[in-house]
């Protein structure tokens, strides 16, 4: 991966994450989301780039920075799963599959609380991502393949 590719990948991962946060806001506003963020951290747009290039990322960013990115990304998915379960409940039975159920007001309040946690985790993730971008930008192109 060339330096420009890694910079692009890090920027793209950040952008994809911001788009996922917008989807959550849409859900909380009662709007439809056609393609919810995957629950698995390795299947989302950030995770695909991050984990598919794990060895190169560790070599360039260092293990400590990579692990920080991984920690915040993992935390984000754990908290997001709580929101996902509220809005995309497993439907059982014939009639429940035919009718879409909306979250109750209590569930919506919980989802908003979870969203607040996600905002904090996202801010931490963005901060660490900016550190990664600065590190990659500062490195010589000869350090890359």
Protein backbone atom coordinates (compact mmCIF):
# COMPACT_ATOMS: atom_id res chain seq x y z
CA UNK A 1 0.00 0.00 0.00
CA UNK A 2 1.42 3.36 -1.04
CA UNK A 3 1.39 6.38 1.24
CA UNK A 4 -1.36 8.05 -0.79
CA UNK A 5 -3.44 4.85 -0.64
CA UNK A 6 -3.15 4.66 3.14
CA UNK A 7 -4.03 8.33 3.56
CA UNK A 8 -7.03 7.86 1.28
CA UNK A 9 -8.09 4.71 3.16
CA UNK A 10 -7.92 6.47 6.53
CA UNK A 11 -9.89 9.45 5.23
CA UNK A 12 -12.43 7.15 3.60
CA UNK A 13 -12.87 5.13 6.81
CA UNK A 14 -13.53 8.34 8.73
CA UNK A 15 -16.07 9.49 6.13
CA UNK A 16 -17.85 6.12 6.18
CA UNK A 17 -18.04 6.28 9.96
CA UNK A 18 -19.56 9.76 9.81
CA UNK A 19 -22.16 8.42 7.36
CA UNK A 20 -23.01 5.64 9.82
CA UNK A 21 -23.60 8.23 12.53
CA UNK A 22 -25.97 10.07 10.16
CA UNK A 23 -27.92 6.82 9.68
CA UNK A 24 -28.36 6.57 13.42
CA UNK A 25 -29.66 10.13 13.54
CA UNK A 26 -32.16 9.24 10.80
CA UNK A 27 -33.39 6.27 12.81
CA UNK A 28 -33.85 8.45 15.87
CA UNK A 29 -35.87 10.91 13.76
CA UNK A 30 -38.18 8.09 12.72
CA UNK A 31 -36.86 7.81 9.16
CA UNK A 32 -36.17 4.62 7.23
CA UNK A 33 -32.64 3.31 6.84
CA UNK A 34 -32.39 0.82 4.00
CA UNK A 35 -28.93 -0.56 4.72
CA UNK A 36 -28.09 -0.49 8.42
CA UNK A 37 -24.47 -0.60 9.51
CA UNK A 38 -23.28 -4.19 9.95
CA UNK A 39 -22.90 -5.34 13.55
CA UNK A 40 -19.51 -6.96 13.01
CA UNK A 41 -16.61 -4.53 13.21
CA UNK A 42 -14.86 -6.31 10.34
CA UNK A 43 -17.82 -5.94 7.95
CA UNK A 44 -18.43 -2.18 8.05
CA UNK A 45 -16.72 0.24 5.69
CA UNK A 46 -14.15 1.23 8.30
CA UNK A 47 -13.43 -2.32 9.35
CA UNK A 48 -12.98 -3.65 5.84
CA UNK A 49 -10.14 -1.20 5.20
CA UNK A 50 -8.75 -1.45 8.69
CA UNK A 51 -8.61 -5.23 9.12
CA UNK A 52 -7.94 -6.21 5.49
CA UNK A 53 -4.70 -4.22 5.71
CA UNK A 54 -3.93 -4.97 9.35
CA UNK A 55 -0.27 -5.96 8.96
CA UNK A 56 0.56 -2.89 6.90
CA UNK A 57 -1.39 -0.66 9.25
CA UNK A 58 0.54 -1.97 12.26
CA UNK A 59 3.85 -1.61 10.41
CA UNK A 60 3.12 2.02 9.52
CA UNK A 61 1.12 3.24 12.53
CA UNK A 62 2.76 1.13 15.19
CA UNK A 63 1.03 -1.42 17.37
CA UNK A 64 -0.03 1.05 20.08
CA UNK A 65 -1.85 3.41 17.69
CA UNK A 66 -3.38 0.50 15.77
CA UNK A 67 -4.69 -1.01 19.01
CA UNK A 68 -6.18 2.36 20.05
CA UNK A 69 -8.01 2.61 16.73
CA UNK A 70 -9.19 -0.97 17.12
CA UNK A 71 -10.34 -0.39 20.70
CA UNK A 72 -12.49 2.65 19.84
CA UNK A 73 -13.82 0.99 16.70
CA UNK A 74 -14.75 -2.11 18.71
CA UNK A 75 -16.39 -0.03 21.45
CA UNK A 76 -18.39 1.82 18.82
CA UNK A 77 -19.79 -1.45 17.45
CA UNK A 78 -20.66 -2.75 20.92
CA UNK A 79 -22.64 0.42 21.67
CA UNK A 80 -24.15 0.49 18.17
CA UNK A 81 -25.44 -3.08 18.64
CA UNK A 82 -27.72 -1.79 21.39
CA UNK A 83 -29.33 0.67 18.97
CA UNK A 84 -29.47 -1.94 16.21
CA UNK A 85 -31.44 -4.31 18.47
CA UNK A 86 -34.00 -1.60 19.19
CA UNK A 87 -34.64 -0.66 15.56
CA UNK A 88 -34.05 -3.97 13.80
CA UNK A 89 -35.63 -6.45 16.18
CA UNK A 90 -35.79 -10.10 15.26
CA UNK A 91 -39.40 -10.59 14.25
CA UNK A 92 -41.04 -13.84 15.27
CA UNK A 93 -44.33 -15.25 14.08
CA UNK A 94 -46.26 -14.73 10.86
CA UNK A 95 -48.09 -11.53 11.77
CA UNK A 96 -45.09 -9.80 13.33
CA UNK A 97 -43.14 -10.36 10.12
CA UNK A 98 -45.90 -8.78 8.09
CA UNK A 99 -46.12 -5.59 10.16
CA UNK A 100 -43.21 -3.34 10.96
CA UNK A 101 -43.09 -2.44 14.64
CA UNK A 102 -41.77 0.91 15.78
CA UNK A 103 -39.74 1.33 18.94
CA UNK A 104 -41.67 2.25 22.06
CA UNK A 105 -41.01 5.64 23.66
CA UNK A 106 -38.91 3.91 26.33
CA UNK A 107 -36.87 2.14 23.65
CA UNK A 108 -36.43 5.42 21.80
CA UNK A 109 -35.18 7.09 24.99
CA UNK A 110 -32.70 4.24 25.46
CA UNK A 111 -31.54 4.57 21.85
CA UNK A 112 -30.92 8.28 22.37
CA UNK A 113 -28.86 7.52 25.44
CA UNK A 114 -26.87 4.95 23.48
CA UNK A 115 -26.43 7.52 20.69
CA UNK A 116 -24.91 9.93 23.21
CA UNK A 117 -22.38 7.25 24.14
CA UNK A 118 -21.67 6.68 20.44
CA UNK A 119 -21.01 10.38 19.94
CA UNK A 120 -18.37 10.33 22.69
CA UNK A 121 -16.78 7.16 21.34
CA UNK A 122 -16.87 8.64 17.83
CA UNK A 123 -15.10 11.79 19.03
CA UNK A 124 -12.37 9.64 20.57
CA UNK A 125 -12.16 7.58 17.39
CA UNK A 126 -11.89 10.73 15.25
CA UNK A 127 -9.14 12.08 17.50
CA UNK A 128 -7.10 8.88 17.17
CA UNK A 129 -7.81 8.80 13.42
CA UNK A 130 -6.40 12.31 13.10
CA UNK A 131 -3.29 11.16 14.94
CA UNK A 132 -2.97 8.28 12.47
CA UNK A 133 -3.40 10.65 9.52
CA UNK A 134 -0.70 12.98 10.89
CA UNK A 135 1.66 10.06 11.43
CA UNK A 136 1.17 8.73 7.91
CA UNK A 137 1.51 12.24 6.43
CA UNK A 138 4.78 12.80 8.26
CA UNK A 139 6.38 9.56 7.04
CA UNK A 140 8.53 9.37 3.96
CA UNK A 141 7.00 7.62 0.96
CA UNK A 142 9.91 5.18 1.08
CA UNK A 143 8.41 3.59 4.23
CA UNK A 144 5.51 2.29 2.14
CA UNK A 145 5.36 -0.55 -0.39
